[in-house]
C-alpha atoms as a PDB file:
ATOM      1  CA  MET A   1      14.568   6.651 -11.197  1.00  0.00           C
ATOM      2  CA  LYS A   2      14.012   9.145 -14.393  1.00  0.00           C
ATOM      3  CA  PRO A   3      13.635  12.545 -14.076  1.00  0.00           C
ATOM      4  CA  GLY A   4       9.853  14.777 -13.694  1.00  0.00           C
ATOM      5  CA  LEU A   5       8.788  13.928 -10.403  1.00  0.00           C
ATOM      6  CA  ALA A   6       8.430  16.209  -7.590  1.00  0.00           C
ATOM      7  CA  PRO A   7       7.099  17.481  -4.496  1.00  0.00           C
ATOM      8  CA  GLY A   8       3.545  18.848  -5.157  1.00  0.00           C
ATOM      9  CA  HIS A   9       2.618  16.199  -7.786  1.00  0.00           C
ATOM     10  CA  ARG A  10      -0.762  14.382  -7.287  1.00  0.00           C
ATOM     11  CA  GLY A  11      -2.341  10.735  -8.027  1.00  0.00           C
ATOM     12  CA  THR A  12      -5.238   9.065  -7.737  1.00  0.00           C
ATOM     13  CA  PHE A  13      -6.186   5.382  -7.863  1.00  0.00           C
ATOM     14  CA  SER A  14      -9.987   4.341  -7.217  1.00  0.00           C
ATOM     15  CA  ARG A  15     -11.296   0.632  -6.301  1.00  0.00           C
ATOM     16  CA  VAL A  16     -14.362  -0.830  -5.739  1.00  0.00           C
ATOM     17  CA  MET A  17     -14.178  -2.997  -2.214  1.00  0.00           C
ATOM     18  CA  THR A  18     -14.795  -6.631  -2.029  1.00  0.00           C
ATOM     19  CA  GLN A  19     -16.002  -9.218   0.751  1.00  0.00           C
ATOM     20  CA  ALA A  20     -12.272 -10.252   0.459  1.00  0.00           C
ATOM     21  CA  ASP A  21     -11.296  -6.496   1.685  1.00  0.00           C
ATOM     22  CA  THR A  22     -13.155  -7.625   4.993  1.00  0.00           C
ATOM     23  CA  VAL A  23     -12.336  -8.004   8.445  1.00  0.00           C
ATOM     24  CA  PRO A  24     -12.901 -11.650   8.290  1.00  0.00           C
ATOM     25  CA  ALA A  25     -11.871 -12.298   5.519  1.00  0.00           C
ATOM     26  CA  LEU A  26      -8.274 -10.719   6.216  1.00  0.00           C
ATOM     27  CA  PHE A  27      -7.345 -14.479   7.904  1.00  0.00           C
ATOM     28  CA  PRO A  28      -9.089 -17.053   7.190  1.00  0.00           C
ATOM     29  CA  ASP A  29      -7.948 -19.438   9.796  1.00  0.00           C
ATOM     30  CA  ALA A  30      -8.551 -16.243  12.864  1.00  0.00           C
ATOM     31  CA  THR A  31     -11.227 -17.388  14.543  1.00  0.00           C
ATOM     32  CA  HIS A  32     -11.788 -14.314  16.453  1.00  0.00           C
ATOM     33  CA  LEU A  33     -11.573 -12.241  13.411  1.00  0.00           C
ATOM     34  CA  GLN A  34     -14.979 -14.178  11.726  1.00  0.00           C
ATOM     35  CA  GLY A  35     -16.925 -12.793  14.071  1.00  0.00           C
ATOM     36  CA  MET A  36     -15.468  -8.972  13.483  1.00  0.00           C
ATOM     37  CA  PRO A  37     -18.053  -6.476  11.294  1.00  0.00           C
ATOM     38  CA  GLY A  38     -17.600  -7.262   7.241  1.00  0.00           C
ATOM     39  CA  VAL A  39     -15.824  -4.095   6.218  1.00  0.00           C
ATOM     40  CA  LEU A  40     -12.735  -2.985   5.045  1.00  0.00           C
ATOM     41  CA  ALA A  41      -9.520  -4.142   7.063  1.00  0.00           C
ATOM     42  CA  THR A  42      -6.997  -1.584   8.027  1.00  0.00           C
ATOM     43  CA  ALA A  43      -4.815  -3.949   6.079  1.00  0.00           C
ATOM     44  CA  LYS A  44      -6.327  -3.504   2.928  1.00  0.00           C
ATOM     45  CA  MET A  45      -6.845   0.295   3.015  1.00  0.00           C
ATOM     46  CA  ILE A  46      -3.066   0.868   3.834  1.00  0.00           C
ATOM     47  CA  GLY A  47      -2.392  -1.975   1.208  1.00  0.00           C
ATOM     48  CA  LEU A  48      -4.636   0.519  -1.134  1.00  0.00           C
ATOM     49  CA  MET A  49      -2.779   3.345  -0.424  1.00  0.00           C
ATOM     50  CA  GLU A  50       0.429   1.459  -0.741  1.00  0.00           C
ATOM     51  CA  TRP A  51      -0.812   0.086  -4.432  1.00  0.00           C
ATOM     52  CA  ALA A  52      -2.291   4.037  -5.248  1.00  0.00           C
ATOM     53  CA  CYS A  53       1.580   5.087  -4.648  1.00  0.00           C
ATOM     54  CA  VAL A  54       3.320   2.553  -6.718  1.00  0.00           C
ATOM     55  CA  GLU A  55       0.651   3.099  -9.325  1.00  0.00           C
ATOM     56  CA  HIS A  56       1.694   7.000  -8.836  1.00  0.00           C
ATOM     57  CA  LEU A  57       5.801   6.045  -9.126  1.00  0.00           C
ATOM     58  CA  LEU A  58       5.417   4.057 -12.152  1.00  0.00           C
ATOM     59  CA  PRO A  59       6.064   6.399 -15.194  1.00  0.00           C
ATOM     60  CA  TYR A  60       9.532   7.180 -13.208  1.00  0.00           C
ATOM     61  CA  TYR A  61      10.697   3.485 -12.631  1.00  0.00           C
ATOM     62  CA  ASP A  62      14.012   2.991 -15.075  1.00  0.00           C
ATOM     63  CA  GLU A  63      14.279  -0.564 -16.437  1.00  0.00           C
ATOM     64  CA  GLY A  64      14.456  -3.225 -13.031  1.00  0.00           C
ATOM     65  CA  GLU A  65      13.489  -0.567 -10.324  1.00  0.00           C
ATOM     66  CA  VAL A  66      10.321  -0.825  -8.101  1.00  0.00           C
ATOM     67  CA  SER A  67       9.851   0.463  -4.786  1.00  0.00           C
ATOM     68  CA  LEU A  68       8.875  -0.824  -1.764  1.00  0.00           C
ATOM     69  CA  GLY A  69       6.960   0.275   1.603  1.00  0.00           C
ATOM     70  CA  ILE A  70       8.975   0.893   4.055  1.00  0.00           C
ATOM     71  CA  HIS A  71       6.967   3.236   6.527  1.00  0.00           C
ATOM     72  CA  VAL A  72       2.903   3.843   6.950  1.00  0.00           C
ATOM     73  CA  ASP A  73       1.451   5.802   9.470  1.00  0.00           C
ATOM     74  CA  VAL A  74      -2.009   6.246   8.775  1.00  0.00           C
ATOM     75  CA  ASN A  75      -5.395   6.344  10.524  1.00  0.00           C
ATOM     76  CA  HIS A  76      -8.642   4.502   9.642  1.00  0.00           C
ATOM     77  CA  ILE A  77     -10.804   6.684  10.566  1.00  0.00           C
ATOM     78  CA  ALA A  78     -14.246   5.540   9.226  1.00  0.00           C
ATOM     79  CA  ALA A  79     -16.282   1.708   7.926  1.00  0.00           C
ATOM     80  CA  THR A  80     -16.266   1.467   4.104  1.00  0.00           C
ATOM     81  CA  PRO A  81     -18.679  -1.630   3.186  1.00  0.00           C
ATOM     82  CA  PRO A  82     -18.294  -4.272   0.181  1.00  0.00           C
ATOM     83  CA  GLY A  83     -19.386  -2.222  -2.719  1.00  0.00           C
ATOM     84  CA  MET A  84     -18.413   0.619  -2.396  1.00  0.00           C
ATOM     85  CA  LYS A  85     -16.137   2.452  -4.071  1.00  0.00           C
ATOM     86  CA  VAL A  86     -12.390   3.782  -2.783  1.00  0.00           C
ATOM     87  CA  THR A  87     -10.264   6.373  -4.027  1.00  0.00           C
ATOM     88  CA  VAL A  88      -6.853   7.072  -2.672  1.00  0.00           C
ATOM     89  CA  GLU A  89      -5.295  10.405  -3.412  1.00  0.00           C
ATOM     90  CA  THR A  90      -1.670  10.737  -3.274  1.00  0.00           C
ATOM     91  CA  GLU A  91       0.443  13.688  -3.282  1.00  0.00           C
ATOM     92  CA  VAL A  92       4.274  13.454  -3.409  1.00  0.00           C
ATOM     93  CA  GLU A  93       5.623  15.192  -0.162  1.00  0.00           C
ATOM     94  CA  GLU A  94       9.279  14.827   0.015  1.00  0.00           C
ATOM     95  CA  ILE A  95      11.882  13.052  -2.243  1.00  0.00           C
ATOM     96  CA  ASP A  96      15.056  12.438  -0.375  1.00  0.00           C
ATOM     97  CA  GLY A  97      17.577  10.371  -3.056  1.00  0.00           C
ATOM     98  CA  ARG A  98      15.907   7.009  -3.196  1.00  0.00           C
ATOM     99  CA  PHE A  99      12.938   7.471  -0.743  1.00  0.00           C
ATOM    100  CA  ILE A 100      10.215   9.237  -1.497  1.00  0.00           C
ATOM    101  CA  TRP A 101       7.520  10.817   1.249  1.00  0.00           C
ATOM    102  CA  PHE A 102       3.630  10.570  -0.055  1.00  0.00           C
ATOM    103  CA  ARG A 103       0.486  12.235   1.793  1.00  0.00           C
ATOM    104  CA  VAL A 104      -1.838   9.593   1.458  1.00  0.00           C
ATOM    105  CA  ARG A 105      -5.702  10.277   2.106  1.00  0.00           C
ATOM    106  CA  ALA A 106      -8.901   7.592   1.016  1.00  0.00           C
ATOM    107  CA  ARG A 107     -12.369   8.047   0.914  1.00  0.00           C
ATOM    108  CA  ASP A 108     -15.407   6.108  -0.691  1.00  0.00           C
ATOM    109  CA  GLU A 109     -18.489   7.761  -1.950  1.00  0.00           C
ATOM    110  CA  HIS A 110     -19.475   9.222   1.016  1.00  0.00           C
ATOM    111  CA  ASP A 111     -16.223   9.820   3.550  1.00  0.00           C
ATOM    112  CA  VAL A 112     -12.565  10.296   4.216  1.00  0.00           C
ATOM    113  CA  ILE A 113     -12.059   6.614   5.679  1.00  0.00           C
ATOM    114  CA  GLY A 114      -8.199   7.304   6.042  1.00  0.00           C
ATOM    115  CA  GLU A 115      -5.377   9.288   5.655  1.00  0.00           C
ATOM    116  CA  GLY A 116      -1.632   9.991   6.765  1.00  0.00           C
ATOM    117  CA  ARG A 117       1.607   9.750   4.937  1.00  0.00           C
ATOM    118  CA  HIS A 118       3.610   6.586   3.736  1.00  0.00           C
ATOM    119  CA  ARG A 119       7.354   5.855   2.741  1.00  0.00           C
ATOM    120  CA  ARG A 120       8.544   4.155  -0.506  1.00  0.00           C
ATOM    121  CA  ALA A 121      12.457   3.433  -1.502  1.00  0.00           C
ATOM    122  CA  ILE A 122      12.848   2.364  -5.107  1.00  0.00           C
ATOM    123  CA  VAL A 123      15.398  -0.432  -5.301  1.00  0.00           C
ATOM    124  CA  ALA A 124      16.959  -2.867  -7.779  1.00  0.00           C
ATOM    125  CA  GLN A 125      14.168  -5.598  -7.821  1.00  0.00           C
ATOM    126  CA  GLU A 126      17.188  -8.347  -9.198  1.00  0.00           C
ATOM    127  CA  LYS A 127      19.172  -7.096  -6.471  1.00  0.00           C
ATOM    128  CA  PHE A 128      16.440  -7.262  -3.672  1.00  0.00           C
ATOM    129  CA  GLU A 129      15.095 -10.811  -4.751  1.00  0.00           C
ATOM    130  CA  ALA A 130      18.953 -12.331  -4.575  1.00  0.00           C
ATOM    131  CA  LYS A 131      18.792 -10.661  -1.157  1.00  0.00           C
ATOM    132  CA  ALA A 132      15.264 -12.150  -0.153  1.00  0.00           C
ATOM    133  CA  ALA A 133      15.818 -15.106  -1.609  1.00  0.00           C
ATOM    134  CA  ALA A 134      19.326 -15.678   0.262  1.00  0.00           C
ATOM    135  CA  LYS A 135      17.245 -15.064   3.422  1.00  0.00           C
ATOM    136  CA  ALA A 136      14.987 -17.519   2.778  1.00  0.00           C
ATOM    137  CA  ALA A 137      17.951 -20.483   1.924  1.00  0.00           C
ATOM    138  CA  GLY A 138      19.216 -20.128   5.867  1.00  0.00           C
ATOM    139  CA  LEU A 139      15.775 -21.363   6.457  1.00  0.00           C
ATOM    140  CA  THR A 140      14.881 -25.068   7.863  1.00  0.00           C
ATOM    141  CA  GLU A 141      12.833 -26.819   6.256  1.00  0.00           C
ATOM    142  CA  GLU A 142      10.072 -26.808   8.302  1.00  0.00           C
ATOM    143  CA  ALA A 143       9.846 -23.105   8.520  1.00  0.00           C
ATOM    144  CA  LEU A 144       9.195 -23.066   5.131  1.00  0.00           C
END
């Protein structure tokens, strides 16, 4: 990781939510989700928080590095309908070697919709992908 990132460093990332970000769209084969409200799914909000942290880290990656989410502790406290812009504020809370803790807060055009903490690990992408490929190779054809 390149130098310069430090606790207190802040970033923001925004995206307009679409129908594809709603609870019913989360798993099209999940019959019981189809009748749920058409608002931003918690899983999509968490994904957006992760994306915001990745964007925050991009300038600090050394060549061949990426980051992986390894911990999430957030509350989803308000609904967001499709068409609204959600902005995620990120703040580096702690850096421990290759592990970075972020404080995250998401807000739509009216409310804070979620907040909490997220931890990412900086890894060598090639090495990580080799381990994942080896794991996948151990699966039976039926599992794939």
